[in-house]
């Protein structure tokens, strides 16, 4: 299987199902399979982080957010079956182009804004926005990926006159 990306605790590989899994038909094409080392999670005390990531991703269904289908596991790994995004990272495309035309920038920005509106409506604070976490599908739509640092937030942002707290992503959220 082709490696699509490498993270701190595993790899994301391009996968094709041999048989149906959790109602997902094998003839649905290619998927991304996030393979997470249980040993690495345990050594770093991040078991709860991955459960949080799964809970958040499984509750999101939006055209500009990487789709989570299901999770699986064996003795060594946890697996997340995700939507394959063959267009690659936005940062790679930016390096190739050196500069995006203004309409492209507006399009990508609007896509991310719509994804964030959906997350915020569900009280989710996405705390890892960077070009590497914006990945394109086969027709060039950008999607937000990697919810390892995301949190469900219930706190309100405290606004003072002429002061915006540095961790306040919107007027409704405040980070740790």
C-alpha atoms as a PDB file:
ATOM      1  CA  UNK A   1       0.000   0.000   0.000  1.00  0.00           C
ATOM      2  CA  UNK A   2       1.257   3.451  -0.951  1.00  0.00           C
ATOM      3  CA  UNK A   3       2.102   5.727   1.995  1.00  0.00           C
ATOM      4  CA  UNK A   4       0.158   8.991   1.779  1.00  0.00           C
ATOM      5  CA  UNK A   5       1.576  10.537   4.929  1.00  0.00           C
ATOM      6  CA  UNK A   6       3.609   9.918   8.062  1.00  0.00           C
ATOM      7  CA  UNK A   7       2.655  11.214  11.503  1.00  0.00           C
ATOM      8  CA  UNK A   8       4.075  11.010  14.997  1.00  0.00           C
ATOM      9  CA  UNK A   9       2.371   7.690  15.801  1.00  0.00           C
ATOM     10  CA  UNK A  10       1.886   5.983  12.475  1.00  0.00           C
ATOM     11  CA  UNK A  11       1.263   6.246   8.773  1.00  0.00           C
ATOM     12  CA  UNK A  12      -1.618   6.931   6.438  1.00  0.00           C
ATOM     13  CA  UNK A  13      -1.769   4.504   3.537  1.00  0.00           C
ATOM     14  CA  UNK A  14      -3.840   4.273   0.386  1.00  0.00           C
ATOM     15  CA  UNK A  15      -6.081   1.216   0.703  1.00  0.00           C
ATOM     16  CA  UNK A  16      -8.703  -0.702  -1.239  1.00  0.00           C
ATOM     17  CA  UNK A  17     -11.156  -2.925   0.623  1.00  0.00           C
ATOM     18  CA  UNK A  18     -11.161  -6.623  -0.274  1.00  0.00           C
ATOM     19  CA  UNK A  19     -14.564  -7.122   1.360  1.00  0.00           C
ATOM     20  CA  UNK A  20     -17.249  -4.948   2.945  1.00  0.00           C
ATOM     21  CA  UNK A  21     -16.431  -3.450   6.368  1.00  0.00           C
ATOM     22  CA  UNK A  22     -19.078  -1.985   8.696  1.00  0.00           C
ATOM     23  CA  UNK A  23     -21.501  -1.512   5.795  1.00  0.00           C
ATOM     24  CA  UNK A  24     -18.897   0.092   3.518  1.00  0.00           C
ATOM     25  CA  UNK A  25     -18.838  -1.763   0.211  1.00  0.00           C
ATOM     26  CA  UNK A  26     -15.555  -3.026  -1.187  1.00  0.00           C
ATOM     27  CA  UNK A  27     -16.356  -1.553  -4.605  1.00  0.00           C
ATOM     28  CA  UNK A  28     -16.420   2.028  -3.270  1.00  0.00           C
ATOM     29  CA  UNK A  29     -12.893   2.657  -4.578  1.00  0.00           C
ATOM     30  CA  UNK A  30      -9.878   3.742  -2.581  1.00  0.00           C
ATOM     31  CA  UNK A  31      -9.664   4.891   1.014  1.00  0.00           C
ATOM     32  CA  UNK A  32      -7.038   6.302   3.347  1.00  0.00           C
ATOM     33  CA  UNK A  33      -6.118   3.943   6.175  1.00  0.00           C
ATOM     34  CA  UNK A  34      -4.606   5.712   9.187  1.00  0.00           C
ATOM     35  CA  UNK A  35      -2.475   3.110  11.023  1.00  0.00           C
ATOM     36  CA  UNK A  36      -1.736   4.158  14.603  1.00  0.00           C
ATOM     37  CA  UNK A  37       0.778   2.243  16.721  1.00  0.00           C
ATOM     38  CA  UNK A  38      -0.762   1.130  20.019  1.00  0.00           C
ATOM     39  CA  UNK A  39       2.715   0.861  21.541  1.00  0.00           C
ATOM     40  CA  UNK A  40       3.546   4.480  20.665  1.00  0.00           C
ATOM     41  CA  UNK A  41       0.241   5.674  22.069  1.00  0.00           C
ATOM     42  CA  UNK A  42       0.787   3.792  25.310  1.00  0.00           C
ATOM     43  CA  UNK A  43       4.432   4.906  25.686  1.00  0.00           C
ATOM     44  CA  UNK A  44       3.389   8.532  25.258  1.00  0.00           C
ATOM     45  CA  UNK A  45       0.210   8.313  27.346  1.00  0.00           C
ATOM     46  CA  UNK A  46      -1.985   9.389  24.446  1.00  0.00           C
ATOM     47  CA  UNK A  47      -4.645   6.665  24.511  1.00  0.00           C
ATOM     48  CA  UNK A  48      -7.344   9.183  25.437  1.00  0.00           C
ATOM     49  CA  UNK A  49      -6.245  11.565  22.645  1.00  0.00           C
ATOM     50  CA  UNK A  50      -6.910   8.998  19.948  1.00  0.00           C
ATOM     51  CA  UNK A  51     -10.312   8.147  21.438  1.00  0.00           C
ATOM     52  CA  UNK A  52     -11.103  11.874  21.437  1.00  0.00           C
ATOM     53  CA  UNK A  53     -10.003  12.150  17.797  1.00  0.00           C
ATOM     54  CA  UNK A  54     -12.226   9.229  16.825  1.00  0.00           C
ATOM     55  CA  UNK A  55     -15.224  10.646  18.708  1.00  0.00           C
ATOM     56  CA  UNK A  56     -14.835  14.050  17.066  1.00  0.00           C
ATOM     57  CA  UNK A  57     -14.256  12.726  13.542  1.00  0.00           C
ATOM     58  CA  UNK A  58     -17.131  10.259  13.705  1.00  0.00           C
ATOM     59  CA  UNK A  59     -19.475  13.136  14.595  1.00  0.00           C
ATOM     60  CA  UNK A  60     -18.477  15.325  11.649  1.00  0.00           C
ATOM     61  CA  UNK A  61     -20.061  15.046   8.217  1.00  0.00           C
ATOM     62  CA  UNK A  62     -19.183  17.975   5.986  1.00  0.00           C
ATOM     63  CA  UNK A  63     -17.920  18.356   2.398  1.00  0.00           C
ATOM     64  CA  UNK A  64     -14.789  20.236   3.542  1.00  0.00           C
ATOM     65  CA  UNK A  65     -13.809  17.853   6.352  1.00  0.00           C
ATOM     66  CA  UNK A  66     -12.048  14.525   5.750  1.00  0.00           C
ATOM     67  CA  UNK A  67     -14.687  11.825   6.118  1.00  0.00           C
ATOM     68  CA  UNK A  68     -14.303   9.178   8.829  1.00  0.00           C
ATOM     69  CA  UNK A  69     -15.901   5.832   7.927  1.00  0.00           C
ATOM     70  CA  UNK A  70     -14.988   3.465  10.759  1.00  0.00           C
ATOM     71  CA  UNK A  71     -12.251   2.237  13.074  1.00  0.00           C
ATOM     72  CA  UNK A  72     -10.681  -1.211  13.408  1.00  0.00           C
ATOM     73  CA  UNK A  73      -7.816  -2.719  15.359  1.00  0.00           C
ATOM     74  CA  UNK A  74      -5.464  -5.653  15.664  1.00  0.00           C
ATOM     75  CA  UNK A  75      -2.805  -6.499  18.266  1.00  0.00           C
ATOM     76  CA  UNK A  76      -0.392  -3.755  17.175  1.00  0.00           C
ATOM     77  CA  UNK A  77      -2.427  -1.019  15.512  1.00  0.00           C
ATOM     78  CA  UNK A  78      -5.601   1.016  15.614  1.00  0.00           C
ATOM     79  CA  UNK A  79      -6.928   1.813  12.154  1.00  0.00           C
ATOM     80  CA  UNK A  80      -9.126   4.654  10.972  1.00  0.00           C
ATOM     81  CA  UNK A  81     -10.717   4.180   7.557  1.00  0.00           C
ATOM     82  CA  UNK A  82     -10.949   7.644   6.015  1.00  0.00           C
ATOM     83  CA  UNK A  83     -11.813   9.290   2.748  1.00  0.00           C
ATOM     84  CA  UNK A  84      -8.836   9.178   0.374  1.00  0.00           C
ATOM     85  CA  UNK A  85      -7.637  12.628  -0.658  1.00  0.00           C
ATOM     86  CA  UNK A  86      -5.369  12.060  -3.676  1.00  0.00           C
ATOM     87  CA  UNK A  87      -4.855  15.764  -4.455  1.00  0.00           C
ATOM     88  CA  UNK A  88      -2.163  16.103  -1.788  1.00  0.00           C
ATOM     89  CA  UNK A  89      -1.384  18.741   0.805  1.00  0.00           C
ATOM     90  CA  UNK A  90      -2.205  22.360   0.068  1.00  0.00           C
ATOM     91  CA  UNK A  91       1.302  23.371   1.184  1.00  0.00           C
ATOM     92  CA  UNK A  92       2.861  21.164  -1.513  1.00  0.00           C
ATOM     93  CA  UNK A  93       0.657  22.780  -4.140  1.00  0.00           C
ATOM     94  CA  UNK A  94       1.609  26.221  -2.831  1.00  0.00           C
ATOM     95  CA  UNK A  95       5.318  25.358  -3.078  1.00  0.00           C
ATOM     96  CA  UNK A  96       4.773  24.245  -6.689  1.00  0.00           C
ATOM     97  CA  UNK A  97       2.814  27.380  -7.632  1.00  0.00           C
ATOM     98  CA  UNK A  98       4.883  29.730  -5.395  1.00  0.00           C
ATOM     99  CA  UNK A  99       1.831  31.977  -5.156  1.00  0.00           C
ATOM    100  CA  UNK A 100      -1.867  31.305  -5.588  1.00  0.00           C
ATOM    101  CA  UNK A 101      -3.979  33.582  -7.770  1.00  0.00           C
ATOM    102  CA  UNK A 102      -6.397  35.573  -5.615  1.00  0.00           C
ATOM    103  CA  UNK A 103      -9.500  33.555  -6.681  1.00  0.00           C
ATOM    104  CA  UNK A 104      -7.766  30.329  -5.574  1.00  0.00           C
ATOM    105  CA  UNK A 105      -6.911  31.853  -2.210  1.00  0.00           C
ATOM    106  CA  UNK A 106     -10.508  32.985  -1.733  1.00  0.00           C
ATOM    107  CA  UNK A 107     -11.802  29.543  -2.702  1.00  0.00           C
ATOM    108  CA  UNK A 108      -9.500  27.661  -0.308  1.00  0.00           C
ATOM    109  CA  UNK A 109     -10.160  30.166   2.492  1.00  0.00           C
ATOM    110  CA  UNK A 110     -13.931  29.899   2.048  1.00  0.00           C
ATOM    111  CA  UNK A 111     -13.716  26.091   2.136  1.00  0.00           C
ATOM    112  CA  UNK A 112     -11.831  26.178   5.439  1.00  0.00           C
ATOM    113  CA  UNK A 113     -14.227  28.798   6.821  1.00  0.00           C
ATOM    114  CA  UNK A 114     -17.232  26.583   6.005  1.00  0.00           C
ATOM    115  CA  UNK A 115     -15.532  23.618   7.700  1.00  0.00           C
ATOM    116  CA  UNK A 116     -14.815  25.730  10.803  1.00  0.00           C
ATOM    117  CA  UNK A 117     -18.418  26.991  10.927  1.00  0.00           C
ATOM    118  CA  UNK A 118     -19.587  23.363  10.946  1.00  0.00           C
ATOM    119  CA  UNK A 119     -17.116  22.426  13.693  1.00  0.00           C
ATOM    120  CA  UNK A 120     -17.970  25.449  15.830  1.00  0.00           C
ATOM    121  CA  UNK A 121     -21.689  24.717  15.514  1.00  0.00           C
ATOM    122  CA  UNK A 122     -20.837  21.365  17.120  1.00  0.00           C
ATOM    123  CA  UNK A 123     -18.717  23.103  19.803  1.00  0.00           C
ATOM    124  CA  UNK A 124     -15.475  21.706  18.387  1.00  0.00           C
ATOM    125  CA  UNK A 125     -12.302  23.780  18.555  1.00  0.00           C
ATOM    126  CA  UNK A 126      -9.845  22.701  15.874  1.00  0.00           C
ATOM    127  CA  UNK A 127      -6.407  23.625  17.198  1.00  0.00           C
ATOM    128  CA  UNK A 128      -3.999  22.567  14.470  1.00  0.00           C
ATOM    129  CA  UNK A 129      -4.702  24.711  11.423  1.00  0.00           C
ATOM    130  CA  UNK A 130      -1.706  24.732   9.067  1.00  0.00           C
ATOM    131  CA  UNK A 131      -1.248  24.103   5.331  1.00  0.00           C
ATOM    132  CA  UNK A 132      -0.127  20.497   5.977  1.00  0.00           C
ATOM    133  CA  UNK A 133      -3.562  19.767   7.473  1.00  0.00           C
ATOM    134  CA  UNK A 134      -5.421  21.040   4.426  1.00  0.00           C
ATOM    135  CA  UNK A 135      -5.515  18.279   1.823  1.00  0.00           C
ATOM    136  CA  UNK A 136      -7.161  18.266  -1.599  1.00  0.00           C
ATOM    137  CA  UNK A 137      -9.484  15.672  -3.053  1.00  0.00           C
ATOM    138  CA  UNK A 138      -9.295  14.438  -6.649  1.00  0.00           C
ATOM    139  CA  UNK A 139     -10.992  17.535  -8.085  1.00  0.00           C
ATOM    140  CA  UNK A 140      -9.187  20.192  -6.046  1.00  0.00           C
ATOM    141  CA  UNK A 141     -11.512  20.812  -3.110  1.00  0.00           C
ATOM    142  CA  UNK A 142      -9.573  21.340   0.111  1.00  0.00           C
ATOM    143  CA  UNK A 143     -10.532  19.426   3.255  1.00  0.00           C
ATOM    144  CA  UNK A 144      -9.464  19.748   6.881  1.00  0.00           C
ATOM    145  CA  UNK A 145      -7.647  16.653   8.220  1.00  0.00           C
ATOM    146  CA  UNK A 146      -6.003  15.524  11.495  1.00  0.00           C
ATOM    147  CA  UNK A 147      -8.214  16.060  14.517  1.00  0.00           C
ATOM    148  CA  UNK A 148      -5.680  14.870  17.103  1.00  0.00           C
ATOM    149  CA  UNK A 149      -5.586  18.250  18.874  1.00  0.00           C
ATOM    150  CA  UNK A 150      -9.270  19.124  18.463  1.00  0.00           C
ATOM    151  CA  UNK A 151     -11.434  19.510  21.544  1.00  0.00           C
ATOM    152  CA  UNK A 152     -15.090  19.831  22.323  1.00  0.00           C
ATOM    153  CA  UNK A 153     -15.390  23.197  24.032  1.00  0.00           C
ATOM    154  CA  UNK A 154     -18.120  24.594  26.193  1.00  0.00           C
ATOM    155  CA  UNK A 155     -16.355  27.735  27.428  1.00  0.00           C
ATOM    156  CA  UNK A 156     -17.166  31.205  26.185  1.00  0.00           C
ATOM    157  CA  UNK A 157     -14.543  33.637  25.085  1.00  0.00           C
ATOM    158  CA  UNK A 158     -14.206  36.628  27.397  1.00  0.00           C
ATOM    159  CA  UNK A 159     -13.836  39.829  25.418  1.00  0.00           C
ATOM    160  CA  UNK A 160     -12.456  42.997  26.939  1.00  0.00           C
ATOM    161  CA  UNK A 161     -12.537  46.386  25.195  1.00  0.00           C
ATOM    162  CA  UNK A 162      -9.735  46.566  22.613  1.00  0.00           C
ATOM    163  CA  UNK A 163      -8.370  43.154  23.629  1.00  0.00           C
ATOM    164  CA  UNK A 164      -8.707  39.798  21.886  1.00  0.00           C
ATOM    165  CA  UNK A 165      -7.435  36.798  23.868  1.00  0.00           C
ATOM    166  CA  UNK A 166      -4.652  35.102  21.850  1.00  0.00           C
ATOM    167  CA  UNK A 167      -6.227  31.627  21.926  1.00  0.00           C
ATOM    168  CA  UNK A 168      -9.706  32.788  20.923  1.00  0.00           C
ATOM    169  CA  UNK A 169     -10.502  31.351  17.488  1.00  0.00           C
ATOM    170  CA  UNK A 170     -13.981  32.926  17.445  1.00  0.00           C
ATOM    171  CA  UNK A 171     -16.090  34.893  19.864  1.00  0.00           C
ATOM    172  CA  UNK A 172     -17.507  31.620  21.192  1.00  0.00           C
ATOM    173  CA  UNK A 173     -14.325  29.688  21.966  1.00  0.00           C
ATOM    174  CA  UNK A 174     -11.251  29.935  24.108  1.00  0.00           C
ATOM    175  CA  UNK A 175      -8.358  27.453  24.036  1.00  0.00           C
ATOM    176  CA  UNK A 176      -6.354  25.987  26.889  1.00  0.00           C
END
